[in-house]
Amino acid sequence: MLFLWFTFRSGEISVGYGKLLRGVYAAIALIGAGIGFAFDQVIAREVAALVLAALAIIGFARRDTVLDRLAIGVGFAGVVAAALVTDYQANVLWLVRLLVGAVFLGAISDAMLLGHWYLVQPGMPRKLLNQLSNILLVVWPFEIVAMIVPTGMVSVLNGTIDDGWNGVLGWFWLACALLTGVLAWFTRAALRERSYSAVMAATGLSYLAILMGFGTDLIARALLVT
């Protein structure tokens, strides 16, 4: 929702793109709330997810981004609530990991979705996708640092934390972390080409980047909370 607002605020994208992202993130928020209520209730987190979904649905077909900004604030509150109830290490460390991870996954997800929107609206300026690629490259090192701060992924790589796969998951995480940055850089490089096919190449690279990005964030979370 943060990067929907960031990209949509320029007025250079049709309302349909707002519908796409609001629908996607409303669905994710509802699924998250449902899983939370079913397995490990954190009332403030689940309520925040429901409110975020409601704001996204209410603002579904609007160009005004006021509701999007409210949804960002509600989502931030939900992430804080999720971090404060953790029993894993220091709450502050997990708050940083969750916030940085949310921005990291948001940037990479929105870049992939925006790349596909060029099929619907091919006249959009490339700077919009380029901006998201640049943001991803800025956030990417913060994501890695957040996951290696002790006790972090270094402990998995040196065997202090057992990943249950003889260290394979730790090295797989490292490969995902490095490849995410490489793919983001290639995405930006592809956009320098003048032909329209360059945008499609950038979209394809973002597909790979999102897979590596989710590996970077979710593998680390799974290993560090067990």
Protein backbone atom coordinates (compact mmCIF):
# COMPACT_ATOMS: atom_id res chain seq x y z
CA MET A 1 0.00 0.00 0.00
CA LEU A 2 2.93 2.32 0.68
CA PHE A 3 4.29 1.97 -2.82
CA LEU A 4 0.84 2.07 -4.38
CA TRP A 5 0.52 5.54 -2.88
CA PHE A 6 4.09 6.42 -3.91
CA THR A 7 3.52 5.48 -7.55
CA PHE A 8 -0.14 6.47 -7.86
CA ARG A 9 0.29 9.97 -6.45
CA SER A 10 1.82 11.28 -9.69
CA GLY A 11 -1.47 10.81 -11.56
CA GLU A 12 0.31 9.10 -14.47
CA ILE A 13 -1.34 5.69 -13.97
CA SER A 14 -4.96 4.79 -14.64
CA VAL A 15 -7.40 3.97 -11.84
CA GLY A 16 -7.27 0.33 -12.90
CA TYR A 17 -3.79 -0.03 -11.40
CA GLY A 18 -5.15 1.20 -8.07
CA LYS A 19 -7.93 -1.38 -8.30
CA LEU A 20 -5.39 -4.13 -8.96
CA LEU A 21 -3.15 -3.34 -6.01
CA ARG A 22 -5.93 -2.53 -3.57
CA GLY A 23 -7.64 -5.78 -4.46
CA VAL A 24 -4.43 -7.77 -4.07
CA TYR A 25 -3.51 -6.29 -0.72
CA ALA A 26 -7.05 -6.40 0.64
CA ALA A 27 -7.06 -10.13 -0.13
CA ILE A 28 -3.66 -10.65 1.50
CA ALA A 29 -4.77 -8.71 4.60
CA LEU A 30 -7.96 -10.77 4.90
CA ILE A 31 -6.05 -14.04 4.49
CA GLY A 32 -3.52 -12.90 7.09
CA ALA A 33 -6.24 -11.96 9.57
CA GLY A 34 -7.98 -15.29 9.04
CA ILE A 35 -4.77 -17.24 9.65
CA GLY A 36 -4.04 -15.13 12.70
CA PHE A 37 -7.46 -15.71 14.25
CA ALA A 38 -7.20 -19.43 13.51
CA PHE A 39 -3.72 -20.16 14.83
CA ASP A 40 -2.07 -17.44 16.93
CA GLN A 41 -4.33 -14.53 17.76
CA VAL A 42 -2.85 -11.09 18.22
CA ILE A 43 -6.01 -9.02 18.36
CA ALA A 44 -4.40 -5.67 17.50
CA ARG A 45 -2.60 -7.20 14.52
CA GLU A 46 -5.70 -8.95 13.21
CA VAL A 47 -7.90 -5.86 13.64
CA ALA A 48 -5.31 -3.77 11.81
CA ALA A 49 -5.37 -6.24 8.92
CA LEU A 50 -9.18 -6.10 8.75
CA VAL A 51 -9.20 -2.30 8.82
CA LEU A 52 -6.52 -2.15 6.12
CA ALA A 53 -8.60 -4.48 3.95
CA ALA A 54 -11.71 -2.36 4.52
CA LEU A 55 -9.89 0.85 3.57
CA ALA A 56 -8.52 -0.79 0.42
CA ILE A 57 -11.98 -2.01 -0.58
CA ILE A 58 -13.66 1.34 0.15
CA GLY A 59 -11.04 3.15 -1.93
CA PHE A 60 -11.07 0.46 -4.64
CA ALA A 61 -12.11 2.63 -7.60
CA ARG A 62 -10.89 6.02 -6.36
CA ARG A 63 -8.01 8.14 -7.56
CA ASP A 64 -7.85 9.99 -4.23
CA THR A 65 -5.06 8.45 -2.13
CA VAL A 66 -6.24 9.62 1.31
CA LEU A 67 -7.57 6.16 2.18
CA ASP A 68 -4.33 4.62 0.95
CA ARG A 69 -2.37 6.79 3.38
CA LEU A 70 -4.69 5.75 6.20
CA ALA A 71 -4.15 2.12 5.24
CA ILE A 72 -0.37 2.63 5.43
CA GLY A 73 -0.70 3.96 8.99
CA VAL A 74 -2.96 1.10 10.02
CA GLY A 75 -0.59 -1.43 8.48
CA PHE A 76 2.33 0.13 10.34
CA ALA A 77 0.38 -0.19 13.61
CA GLY A 78 -0.34 -3.84 12.85
CA VAL A 79 3.35 -4.59 12.26
CA VAL A 80 4.27 -2.89 15.54
CA ALA A 81 1.63 -4.95 17.36
CA ALA A 82 3.02 -8.13 15.80
CA ALA A 83 6.56 -7.29 16.93
CA LEU A 84 5.64 -6.35 20.48
CA VAL A 85 4.16 -9.76 21.29
CA THR A 86 7.11 -11.79 20.02
CA ASP A 87 9.00 -13.97 22.44
CA TYR A 88 11.98 -14.11 20.10
CA GLN A 89 15.01 -12.09 21.14
CA ALA A 90 14.47 -8.36 21.61
CA ASN A 91 11.21 -6.83 20.44
CA VAL A 92 13.09 -3.88 18.93
CA LEU A 93 15.14 -6.18 16.69
CA TRP A 94 12.04 -7.97 15.45
CA LEU A 95 10.24 -4.67 14.94
CA VAL A 96 13.11 -3.54 12.69
CA ARG A 97 13.06 -6.87 10.84
CA LEU A 98 9.31 -6.76 10.27
CA LEU A 99 9.27 -3.10 9.18
CA VAL A 100 12.25 -3.40 6.87
CA GLY A 101 10.87 -6.68 5.55
CA ALA A 102 7.49 -5.09 4.85
CA VAL A 103 9.11 -2.27 2.86
CA PHE A 104 11.42 -4.71 1.08
CA LEU A 105 8.65 -7.11 0.06
CA GLY A 106 6.31 -4.22 -0.76
CA ALA A 107 8.81 -2.62 -3.13
CA ILE A 108 9.62 -5.86 -4.93
CA SER A 109 5.95 -6.95 -5.17
CA ASP A 110 4.77 -3.59 -6.47
CA ALA A 111 7.60 -3.47 -9.01
CA MET A 112 6.49 -6.80 -10.42
CA LEU A 113 2.82 -5.74 -10.56
CA LEU A 114 3.70 -2.36 -12.06
CA GLY A 115 5.77 -4.05 -14.75
CA HIS A 116 2.73 -6.04 -15.80
CA TRP A 117 0.59 -2.92 -15.88
CA TYR A 118 2.64 -1.66 -18.83
CA LEU A 119 0.81 -4.31 -20.86
CA VAL A 120 -2.45 -2.55 -20.04
CA GLN A 121 -1.14 1.01 -20.23
CA PRO A 122 1.99 0.93 -22.46
CA GLY A 123 2.26 4.70 -22.53
CA MET A 124 3.27 4.99 -18.88
CA PRO A 125 6.67 6.61 -18.31
CA ARG A 126 9.43 4.18 -17.43
CA LYS A 127 10.52 6.36 -14.54
CA LEU A 128 7.75 4.83 -12.40
CA LEU A 129 9.21 1.33 -12.60
CA ASN A 130 12.72 2.74 -12.41
CA GLN A 131 11.85 4.52 -9.16
CA LEU A 132 10.67 1.29 -7.56
CA SER A 133 13.80 -0.51 -8.76
CA ASN A 134 15.95 2.21 -7.19
CA ILE A 135 14.03 1.99 -3.92
CA LEU A 136 14.51 -1.78 -3.89
CA LEU A 137 18.25 -1.36 -4.33
CA VAL A 138 18.32 1.06 -1.38
CA VAL A 139 16.21 -1.15 0.92
CA TRP A 140 17.93 -4.42 -0.08
CA PRO A 141 21.12 -3.93 2.03
CA PHE A 142 19.04 -2.88 5.05
CA GLU A 143 17.09 -6.13 4.72
CA ILE A 144 20.28 -8.17 4.72
CA VAL A 145 21.77 -6.27 7.66
CA ALA A 146 18.54 -6.65 9.67
CA MET A 147 18.70 -10.41 9.20
CA ILE A 148 22.37 -10.82 10.14
CA VAL A 149 22.36 -8.67 13.29
CA PRO A 150 23.00 -11.13 16.16
CA THR A 151 21.41 -13.44 16.72
CA GLY A 152 20.95 -13.69 12.98
CA MET A 153 21.75 -15.57 9.81
CA VAL A 154 25.50 -15.65 10.49
CA SER A 155 24.66 -18.07 13.30
CA VAL A 156 22.90 -20.28 10.77
CA LEU A 157 25.80 -20.13 8.32
CA ASN A 158 28.39 -21.06 10.97
CA GLY A 159 26.22 -23.85 12.38
CA THR A 160 25.38 -22.26 15.75
CA ILE A 161 21.72 -22.44 14.75
CA ASP A 162 20.76 -25.76 13.17
CA ASP A 163 18.64 -25.27 10.06
CA GLY A 164 17.70 -28.96 10.01
CA TRP A 165 19.22 -29.38 6.53
CA ASN A 166 22.93 -29.56 7.36
CA GLY A 167 23.38 -25.88 6.57
CA VAL A 168 21.74 -25.97 3.13
CA LEU A 169 19.01 -23.47 4.02
CA GLY A 170 21.56 -20.99 5.33
CA TRP A 171 23.49 -21.03 2.06
CA PHE A 172 20.25 -20.94 0.08
CA TRP A 173 19.31 -17.79 2.00
CA LEU A 174 22.67 -16.23 1.18
CA ALA A 175 22.20 -17.02 -2.52
CA CYS A 176 18.69 -15.50 -2.46
CA ALA A 177 19.97 -12.38 -0.69
CA LEU A 178 22.75 -11.79 -3.21
CA LEU A 179 20.68 -12.61 -6.30
CA THR A 180 17.89 -10.23 -5.25
CA GLY A 181 20.27 -7.30 -5.50
CA VAL A 182 21.78 -8.55 -8.78
CA LEU A 183 18.33 -8.98 -10.36
CA ALA A 184 17.18 -5.56 -9.15
CA TRP A 185 20.27 -4.01 -10.72
CA PHE A 186 19.65 -5.83 -14.02
CA THR A 187 16.01 -4.68 -13.93
CA ARG A 188 17.15 -1.08 -13.73
CA ALA A 189 19.74 -1.68 -16.46
CA ALA A 190 17.10 -3.18 -18.78
CA LEU A 191 15.00 -0.04 -18.49
CA ARG A 192 17.80 1.99 -20.09
CA GLU A 193 17.11 0.30 -23.42
CA ARG A 194 14.78 2.26 -25.70
CA SER A 195 12.69 -0.57 -27.14
CA TYR A 196 9.37 -1.50 -25.52
CA SER A 197 10.63 -5.07 -25.11
CA ALA A 198 13.02 -3.71 -22.48
CA VAL A 199 10.06 -3.10 -20.18
CA MET A 200 8.95 -6.70 -20.63
CA ALA A 201 12.51 -7.87 -19.91
CA ALA A 202 12.49 -5.79 -16.75
CA THR A 203 9.18 -7.37 -15.75
CA GLY A 204 10.59 -10.85 -16.29
CA LEU A 205 13.61 -10.00 -14.16
CA SER A 206 11.29 -8.71 -11.45
CA TYR A 207 9.57 -12.12 -11.47
CA LEU A 208 12.87 -13.73 -10.55
CA ALA A 209 13.67 -10.96 -8.09
CA ILE A 210 10.42 -11.47 -6.20
CA LEU A 211 11.18 -15.18 -5.79
CA MET A 212 14.65 -14.41 -4.48
CA GLY A 213 13.30 -11.58 -2.31
CA PHE A 214 10.74 -13.77 -0.59
CA GLY A 215 13.48 -16.34 -0.01
CA THR A 216 15.65 -13.65 1.55
CA ASP A 217 12.97 -12.54 4.00
CA LEU A 218 10.91 -15.63 4.76
CA ILE A 219 13.71 -18.20 5.08
CA ALA A 220 15.47 -15.95 7.58
CA ARG A 221 12.30 -15.41 9.61
CA ALA A 222 11.55 -19.14 9.69
CA LEU A 223 15.05 -20.07 10.83
CA LEU A 224 15.47 -17.32 13.40
CA VAL A 225 12.19 -17.89 15.26
CA THR A 226 12.57 -21.66 15.63
